[in-house]
C-alpha cells in the first residue's frame, strides 16, 4: 500500500483534524485517510444525475417560485 507525506500543515488544521478524528472514534491517520479516499472518489455523470433525481424526489413534487422574480420585486420596493 502506498504512503504519502504532507508537509507544512498549520497546527490549527492538525488540531481540528484531531478533534474530528476523536469525534468519529478514529485515529488522526485513519481520519486523514478517510478524508483523502472520499475526496478522491470519482463521481460519474450518471451518479450525479441519480443524486439530483433523488433530491428532487425528496421535495415530493413541490414547486418553487422563480427566485429572480422575487428578488426583482423586493428591489423595486
Protein backbone atom coordinates (compact mmCIF):
# COMPACT_ATOMS: atom_id res chain seq x y z
CA UNK A 1 0.00 0.00 0.00
CA UNK A 2 1.32 3.47 -0.87
CA UNK A 3 2.19 6.14 1.65
CA UNK A 4 2.17 9.91 1.33
CA UNK A 5 3.70 12.67 3.40
CA UNK A 6 2.05 16.07 3.70
CA UNK A 7 4.39 18.77 4.94
CA UNK A 8 3.79 22.19 6.47
CA UNK A 9 0.25 21.66 7.76
CA UNK A 10 -0.84 24.50 10.02
CA UNK A 11 -1.07 23.46 13.68
CA UNK A 12 -4.69 24.66 13.84
CA UNK A 13 -5.56 22.38 10.93
CA UNK A 14 -3.98 19.42 12.71
CA UNK A 15 -5.88 20.27 15.89
CA UNK A 16 -9.20 20.40 14.01
CA UNK A 17 -8.41 17.06 12.34
CA UNK A 18 -7.60 15.54 15.74
CA UNK A 19 -10.93 16.76 17.13
CA UNK A 20 -12.77 15.42 14.10
CA UNK A 21 -10.98 12.06 14.40
CA UNK A 22 -11.81 11.83 18.09
CA UNK A 23 -15.50 12.56 17.44
CA UNK A 24 -15.56 9.73 14.88
CA UNK A 25 -13.61 7.35 17.18
CA UNK A 26 -10.69 7.14 14.74
CA UNK A 27 -7.00 7.89 14.85
CA UNK A 28 -5.68 11.03 13.17
CA UNK A 29 -4.19 8.85 10.44
CA UNK A 30 -7.46 6.98 9.97
CA UNK A 31 -9.41 10.23 9.71
CA UNK A 32 -6.97 11.72 7.19
CA UNK A 33 -7.05 8.50 5.15
CA UNK A 34 -10.85 8.52 5.02
CA UNK A 35 -10.96 12.20 4.01
CA UNK A 36 -8.48 11.58 1.20
CA UNK A 37 -10.32 8.46 0.00
CA UNK A 38 -13.66 10.30 -0.08
CA UNK A 39 -12.12 13.28 -1.88
CA UNK A 40 -10.58 11.00 -4.49
CA UNK A 41 -13.81 9.15 -5.33
CA UNK A 42 -14.72 9.57 -8.96
CA UNK A 43 -18.34 10.53 -9.48
CA UNK A 44 -19.74 9.71 -12.90
CA UNK A 45 -22.27 11.84 -14.74
CA UNK A 46 -24.85 9.12 -14.16
CA UNK A 47 -24.12 9.13 -10.41
CA UNK A 48 -24.55 12.91 -10.27
CA UNK A 49 -27.84 12.74 -12.19
CA UNK A 50 -29.11 9.99 -9.89
CA UNK A 51 -28.27 12.10 -6.83
CA UNK A 52 -30.07 15.08 -8.37
CA UNK A 53 -33.12 12.90 -9.11
CA UNK A 54 -33.25 11.69 -5.50
CA UNK A 55 -33.02 15.25 -4.20
CA UNK A 56 -35.88 16.34 -6.48
CA UNK A 57 -37.95 13.38 -5.31
CA UNK A 58 -37.32 14.32 -1.68
CA UNK A 59 -39.28 17.54 -2.28
CA UNK A 60 -42.36 15.43 -3.06
CA UNK A 61 -43.24 17.28 -6.26
CA UNK A 62 -43.37 20.65 -4.50
CA UNK A 63 -42.91 23.56 -6.91
CA UNK A 64 -40.86 26.61 -6.02
CA UNK A 65 -41.37 30.13 -7.28
CA UNK A 66 -38.87 31.87 -9.54
CA UNK A 67 -36.41 33.50 -7.16
CA UNK A 68 -35.32 36.06 -9.77
CA UNK A 69 -38.85 37.49 -9.87
CA UNK A 70 -38.98 37.66 -6.07
CA UNK A 71 -35.61 39.43 -5.90
CA UNK A 72 -36.69 41.94 -8.56
CA UNK A 73 -39.93 42.61 -6.67
CA UNK A 74 -38.00 43.15 -3.42
CA UNK A 75 -35.51 45.51 -5.07
CA UNK A 76 -38.27 47.55 -6.67
CA UNK A 77 -39.78 48.27 -3.24
